[in-house]
Amino acid sequence: MTTTITRTEQADIITYAALVDGEQVSHLDIDAQTRMVWNIETAAGHERQGYARMLWEAASDEAECYHALDHHRTAEGDAFAHAMGGETIDEQAGYVSECCICTGEMED
């Protein structure tokens, strides 16, 4: 079994992918400018084997990475952030203009 990590960059997103024998089993997307995690996914049947951690470490070796603000995380994303450690992005840098929590424009 051969595991490799690839890195691709498109527009403002950098994607790190873990491939096992050529099959992508996990990927981590980060914002190229802020280095904030946008998404992390591991394929069914490949969870809890350290692939997400490998990707986080590969991205962090390149430059410091940040977790999204707490209210922008899914339950799984929050568990990932706590398991990996590291910093959460600064409130100002992590502001998303479309987010009703960030804008204070909560919908009823």
N, C-alpha and C. Protein backbone atom coordinates (compact mmCIF):
# COMPACT_ATOMS: atom_id res chain seq x y z
N MET A 1 0.86 -1.18 0.00
CA MET A 1 0.00 0.00 0.00
C MET A 1 0.90 1.24 0.00
N THR A 2 0.67 2.12 -0.97
CA THR A 2 1.44 3.34 -1.09
C THR A 2 0.53 4.54 -0.85
N THR A 3 0.91 5.40 0.09
CA THR A 3 0.16 6.62 0.38
C THR A 3 0.98 7.82 -0.06
N THR A 4 0.36 8.69 -0.86
CA THR A 4 1.02 9.91 -1.30
C THR A 4 0.10 11.10 -1.01
N ILE A 5 0.72 12.26 -0.92
CA ILE A 5 -0.03 13.50 -0.72
C ILE A 5 0.24 14.40 -1.91
N THR A 6 -0.84 14.91 -2.50
CA THR A 6 -0.70 15.85 -3.61
C THR A 6 -1.16 17.23 -3.16
N ARG A 7 -0.71 18.23 -3.88
CA ARG A 7 -1.10 19.61 -3.61
C ARG A 7 -1.46 20.26 -4.94
N THR A 8 -2.68 20.83 -5.01
CA THR A 8 -3.10 21.56 -6.19
C THR A 8 -3.65 22.91 -5.75
N GLU A 9 -3.54 23.89 -6.61
CA GLU A 9 -4.06 25.22 -6.30
C GLU A 9 -4.89 25.71 -7.48
N GLN A 10 -6.14 26.09 -7.18
CA GLN A 10 -7.03 26.64 -8.18
C GLN A 10 -7.72 27.84 -7.59
N ALA A 11 -7.67 28.94 -8.30
CA ALA A 11 -8.24 30.21 -7.83
C ALA A 11 -7.67 30.51 -6.45
N ASP A 12 -8.52 30.57 -5.44
CA ASP A 12 -8.05 30.92 -4.10
C ASP A 12 -8.03 29.74 -3.14
N ILE A 13 -8.14 28.52 -3.65
CA ILE A 13 -8.19 27.33 -2.80
C ILE A 13 -6.99 26.43 -3.08
N ILE A 14 -6.34 25.99 -2.02
CA ILE A 14 -5.28 25.00 -2.12
C ILE A 14 -5.87 23.69 -1.59
N THR A 15 -5.71 22.63 -2.37
CA THR A 15 -6.22 21.32 -1.97
C THR A 15 -5.07 20.36 -1.77
N TYR A 16 -5.04 19.76 -0.60
CA TYR A 16 -4.11 18.68 -0.29
C TYR A 16 -4.94 17.40 -0.32
N ALA A 17 -4.46 16.39 -1.02
CA ALA A 17 -5.21 15.14 -1.13
C ALA A 17 -4.32 13.97 -0.75
N ALA A 18 -4.92 13.02 -0.03
CA ALA A 18 -4.23 11.77 0.31
C ALA A 18 -4.71 10.71 -0.67
N LEU A 19 -3.75 10.07 -1.32
CA LEU A 19 -4.06 9.00 -2.26
C LEU A 19 -3.44 7.70 -1.75
N VAL A 20 -4.24 6.65 -1.75
CA VAL A 20 -3.76 5.32 -1.38
C VAL A 20 -3.82 4.48 -2.65
N ASP A 21 -2.65 4.05 -3.09
CA ASP A 21 -2.55 3.28 -4.34
C ASP A 21 -3.29 3.99 -5.47
N GLY A 22 -3.14 5.32 -5.52
CA GLY A 22 -3.72 6.12 -6.59
C GLY A 22 -5.15 6.55 -6.39
N GLU A 23 -5.82 6.04 -5.37
CA GLU A 23 -7.22 6.41 -5.09
C GLU A 23 -7.25 7.51 -4.02
N GLN A 24 -7.97 8.60 -4.31
CA GLN A 24 -8.09 9.68 -3.32
C GLN A 24 -8.99 9.22 -2.18
N VAL A 25 -8.46 9.28 -0.95
CA VAL A 25 -9.23 8.84 0.20
C VAL A 25 -9.58 9.99 1.14
N SER A 26 -8.90 11.13 0.99
CA SER A 26 -9.18 12.28 1.85
C SER A 26 -8.66 13.54 1.16
N HIS A 27 -9.30 14.67 1.47
CA HIS A 27 -8.78 15.94 0.96
C HIS A 27 -9.04 17.06 1.97
N LEU A 28 -8.16 18.04 1.93
CA LEU A 28 -8.22 19.22 2.80
C LEU A 28 -8.14 20.45 1.90
N ASP A 29 -9.14 21.33 1.99
CA ASP A 29 -9.16 22.58 1.21
C ASP A 29 -8.89 23.74 2.15
N ILE A 30 -7.93 24.58 1.78
CA ILE A 30 -7.66 25.78 2.57
C ILE A 30 -7.67 27.00 1.67
N ASP A 31 -7.99 28.14 2.26
CA ASP A 31 -7.96 29.41 1.56
C ASP A 31 -6.50 29.79 1.32
N ALA A 32 -6.15 30.09 0.08
CA ALA A 32 -4.76 30.37 -0.27
C ALA A 32 -4.24 31.65 0.39
N GLN A 33 -5.11 32.61 0.65
CA GLN A 33 -4.66 33.87 1.24
C GLN A 33 -4.62 33.82 2.76
N THR A 34 -5.68 33.32 3.38
CA THR A 34 -5.75 33.34 4.85
C THR A 34 -5.22 32.07 5.48
N ARG A 35 -5.09 30.98 4.70
CA ARG A 35 -4.66 29.66 5.18
C ARG A 35 -5.70 29.05 6.13
N MET A 36 -6.96 29.46 5.99
CA MET A 36 -8.04 28.92 6.81
C MET A 36 -8.63 27.67 6.15
N VAL A 37 -8.91 26.66 6.96
CA VAL A 37 -9.53 25.43 6.47
C VAL A 37 -10.95 25.74 6.01
N TRP A 38 -11.26 25.36 4.77
CA TRP A 38 -12.61 25.49 4.24
C TRP A 38 -13.36 24.17 4.34
N ASN A 39 -12.64 23.08 4.11
CA ASN A 39 -13.31 21.78 4.09
C ASN A 39 -12.28 20.68 4.30
N ILE A 40 -12.71 19.64 4.98
CA ILE A 40 -11.91 18.43 5.13
C ILE A 40 -12.85 17.25 5.02
N GLU A 41 -12.51 16.29 4.18
CA GLU A 41 -13.37 15.12 4.01
C GLU A 41 -12.51 13.88 3.85
N THR A 42 -13.01 12.79 4.39
CA THR A 42 -12.38 11.48 4.22
C THR A 42 -13.46 10.52 3.73
N ALA A 43 -13.12 9.75 2.72
CA ALA A 43 -14.08 8.82 2.12
C ALA A 43 -14.51 7.75 3.11
N ALA A 44 -15.75 7.31 2.96
CA ALA A 44 -16.29 6.24 3.80
C ALA A 44 -15.38 5.01 3.72
N GLY A 45 -15.15 4.41 4.85
CA GLY A 45 -14.29 3.24 4.93
C GLY A 45 -12.83 3.58 5.15
N HIS A 46 -12.50 4.87 5.08
CA HIS A 46 -11.11 5.30 5.29
C HIS A 46 -10.97 6.20 6.51
N GLU A 47 -12.06 6.41 7.24
CA GLU A 47 -12.04 7.29 8.39
C GLU A 47 -11.15 6.70 9.49
N ARG A 48 -10.67 7.59 10.36
CA ARG A 48 -9.92 7.22 11.56
C ARG A 48 -8.65 6.42 11.26
N GLN A 49 -8.04 6.73 10.11
CA GLN A 49 -6.78 6.07 9.75
C GLN A 49 -5.64 7.09 9.64
N GLY A 50 -5.92 8.34 10.04
CA GLY A 50 -4.87 9.35 10.09
C GLY A 50 -4.68 10.16 8.82
N TYR A 51 -5.53 9.97 7.83
CA TYR A 51 -5.34 10.70 6.57
C TYR A 51 -5.57 12.20 6.74
N ALA A 52 -6.61 12.60 7.45
CA ALA A 52 -6.88 14.02 7.66
C ALA A 52 -5.73 14.67 8.43
N ARG A 53 -5.21 13.97 9.43
CA ARG A 53 -4.07 14.50 10.19
C ARG A 53 -2.84 14.66 9.28
N MET A 54 -2.59 13.68 8.40
CA MET A 54 -1.46 13.79 7.47
C MET A 54 -1.60 15.03 6.59
N LEU A 55 -2.82 15.30 6.13
CA LEU A 55 -3.04 16.46 5.28
C LEU A 55 -2.86 17.75 6.05
N TRP A 56 -3.39 17.82 7.27
CA TRP A 56 -3.22 18.99 8.12
C TRP A 56 -1.73 19.26 8.35
N GLU A 57 -0.99 18.21 8.64
CA GLU A 57 0.44 18.36 8.90
C GLU A 57 1.19 18.80 7.65
N ALA A 58 0.82 18.26 6.49
CA ALA A 58 1.46 18.67 5.23
C ALA A 58 1.20 20.14 4.94
N ALA A 59 -0.05 20.56 5.12
CA ALA A 59 -0.40 21.97 4.89
C ALA A 59 0.32 22.87 5.90
N SER A 60 0.36 22.45 7.15
CA SER A 60 0.98 23.25 8.21
C SER A 60 2.50 23.31 8.05
N ASP A 61 3.10 22.27 7.48
CA ASP A 61 4.54 22.29 7.22
C ASP A 61 4.89 23.36 6.19
N GLU A 62 3.96 23.60 5.27
CA GLU A 62 4.17 24.61 4.23
C GLU A 62 4.06 26.02 4.81
N ALA A 63 3.05 26.25 5.62
CA ALA A 63 2.82 27.53 6.29
C ALA A 63 1.72 27.32 7.33
N GLU A 64 1.70 28.17 8.34
CA GLU A 64 0.70 28.01 9.40
C GLU A 64 -0.71 28.03 8.83
N CYS A 65 -1.55 27.12 9.31
CA CYS A 65 -2.94 27.03 8.90
C CYS A 65 -3.83 27.38 10.09
N TYR A 66 -5.06 27.76 9.79
CA TYR A 66 -6.00 28.18 10.82
C TYR A 66 -7.33 27.46 10.64
N HIS A 67 -7.99 27.21 11.77
CA HIS A 67 -9.33 26.64 11.73
C HIS A 67 -10.34 27.77 11.56
N ALA A 68 -11.49 27.45 10.99
CA ALA A 68 -12.57 28.42 10.82
C ALA A 68 -13.10 28.84 12.18
N LEU A 69 -13.78 29.97 12.21
CA LEU A 69 -14.43 30.41 13.44
C LEU A 69 -15.40 29.33 13.91
N ASP A 70 -15.57 29.22 15.21
CA ASP A 70 -16.40 28.16 15.79
C ASP A 70 -17.76 28.03 15.11
N HIS A 71 -18.45 29.16 14.89
CA HIS A 71 -19.80 29.09 14.34
C HIS A 71 -19.84 28.79 12.84
N HIS A 72 -18.68 28.64 12.21
CA HIS A 72 -18.62 28.26 10.81
C HIS A 72 -18.29 26.78 10.64
N ARG A 73 -18.10 26.08 11.74
CA ARG A 73 -17.72 24.67 11.69
C ARG A 73 -18.91 23.75 11.86
N THR A 74 -18.87 22.61 11.16
CA THR A 74 -19.81 21.54 11.43
C THR A 74 -19.35 20.84 12.71
N ALA A 75 -20.17 19.95 13.22
CA ALA A 75 -19.77 19.19 14.41
C ALA A 75 -18.49 18.39 14.11
N GLU A 76 -18.41 17.81 12.92
CA GLU A 76 -17.22 17.06 12.53
C GLU A 76 -16.01 17.97 12.39
N GLY A 77 -16.23 19.15 11.81
CA GLY A 77 -15.14 20.12 11.65
C GLY A 77 -14.64 20.62 12.99
N ASP A 78 -15.54 20.78 13.94
CA ASP A 78 -15.15 21.20 15.28
C ASP A 78 -14.31 20.11 15.95
N ALA A 79 -14.74 18.86 15.80
CA ALA A 79 -13.97 17.75 16.38
C ALA A 79 -12.58 17.68 15.73
N PHE A 80 -12.51 17.91 14.42
CA PHE A 80 -11.22 17.92 13.72
C PHE A 80 -10.33 19.03 14.28
N ALA A 81 -10.88 20.23 14.42
CA ALA A 81 -10.10 21.36 14.93
C ALA A 81 -9.54 21.06 16.32
N HIS A 82 -10.37 20.49 17.18
CA HIS A 82 -9.90 20.17 18.53
C HIS A 82 -8.85 19.06 18.52
N ALA A 83 -9.02 18.07 17.64
CA ALA A 83 -8.06 16.97 17.57
C ALA A 83 -6.71 17.42 17.02
N MET A 84 -6.72 18.35 16.06
CA MET A 84 -5.48 18.80 15.43
C MET A 84 -4.76 19.83 16.27
N GLY A 85 -5.52 20.59 17.07
CA GLY A 85 -4.91 21.72 17.77
C GLY A 85 -4.66 22.84 16.77
N GLY A 86 -3.92 23.81 17.16
CA GLY A 86 -3.65 24.94 16.27
C GLY A 86 -4.61 26.08 16.55
N GLU A 87 -4.40 27.15 15.86
CA GLU A 87 -5.14 28.39 16.09
C GLU A 87 -6.40 28.48 15.25
N THR A 88 -7.39 29.18 15.80
CA THR A 88 -8.58 29.57 15.04
C THR A 88 -8.27 30.91 14.39
N ILE A 89 -8.78 31.10 13.19
CA ILE A 89 -8.50 32.34 12.46
C ILE A 89 -8.99 33.55 13.26
N ASP A 90 -8.32 34.65 13.11
CA ASP A 90 -8.69 35.91 13.74
C ASP A 90 -10.11 36.31 13.33
N GLU A 91 -10.87 36.88 14.24
CA GLU A 91 -12.26 37.28 13.96
C GLU A 91 -12.38 38.11 12.68
N GLN A 92 -11.52 39.09 12.49
CA GLN A 92 -11.61 39.96 11.31
C GLN A 92 -11.28 39.19 10.03
N ALA A 93 -10.24 38.38 10.06
CA ALA A 93 -9.84 37.63 8.87
C ALA A 93 -10.85 36.55 8.53
N GLY A 94 -11.57 36.03 9.55
CA GLY A 94 -12.52 34.95 9.33
C GLY A 94 -13.93 35.41 9.03
N TYR A 95 -14.13 36.70 8.92
CA TYR A 95 -15.45 37.26 8.63
C TYR A 95 -15.93 36.84 7.25
N VAL A 96 -17.14 36.36 7.16
CA VAL A 96 -17.74 35.97 5.88
C VAL A 96 -18.97 36.84 5.67
N SER A 97 -18.96 37.65 4.61
CA SER A 97 -20.01 38.65 4.43
C SER A 97 -21.40 38.05 4.29
N GLU A 98 -21.51 36.81 3.83
CA GLU A 98 -22.82 36.21 3.65
C GLU A 98 -23.36 35.56 4.93
N CYS A 99 -22.54 35.46 5.94
CA CYS A 99 -22.93 34.74 7.16
C CYS A 99 -23.80 35.63 8.05
N CYS A 100 -25.02 35.17 8.34
CA CYS A 100 -25.94 35.96 9.16
C CYS A 100 -25.42 36.12 10.58
N ILE A 101 -24.61 35.21 11.06
CA ILE A 101 -24.03 35.35 12.39
C ILE A 101 -22.96 36.44 12.37
N CYS A 102 -22.12 36.44 11.32
CA CYS A 102 -21.06 37.45 11.22
C CYS A 102 -21.62 38.85 10.98
N THR A 103 -22.68 38.96 10.18
CA THR A 103 -23.24 40.28 9.87
C THR A 103 -24.18 40.78 10.96
N GLY A 104 -24.64 39.86 11.83
CA GLY A 104 -25.58 40.26 12.87
C GLY A 104 -27.01 40.35 12.35
N GLU A 105 -27.23 39.91 11.12
CA GLU A 105 -28.55 39.95 10.50
C GLU A 105 -29.23 38.60 10.57
N MET A 106 -29.55 38.19 11.77
CA MET A 106 -30.16 36.89 11.98
C MET A 106 -31.54 36.86 11.34
N GLU A 107 -31.83 35.74 10.65
CA GLU A 107 -33.15 35.59 10.04
C GLU A 107 -34.11 35.02 11.06
N ASP A 108 -35.35 35.42 10.96
CA ASP A 108 -36.37 34.91 11.90
C ASP A 108 -36.94 33.61 11.43
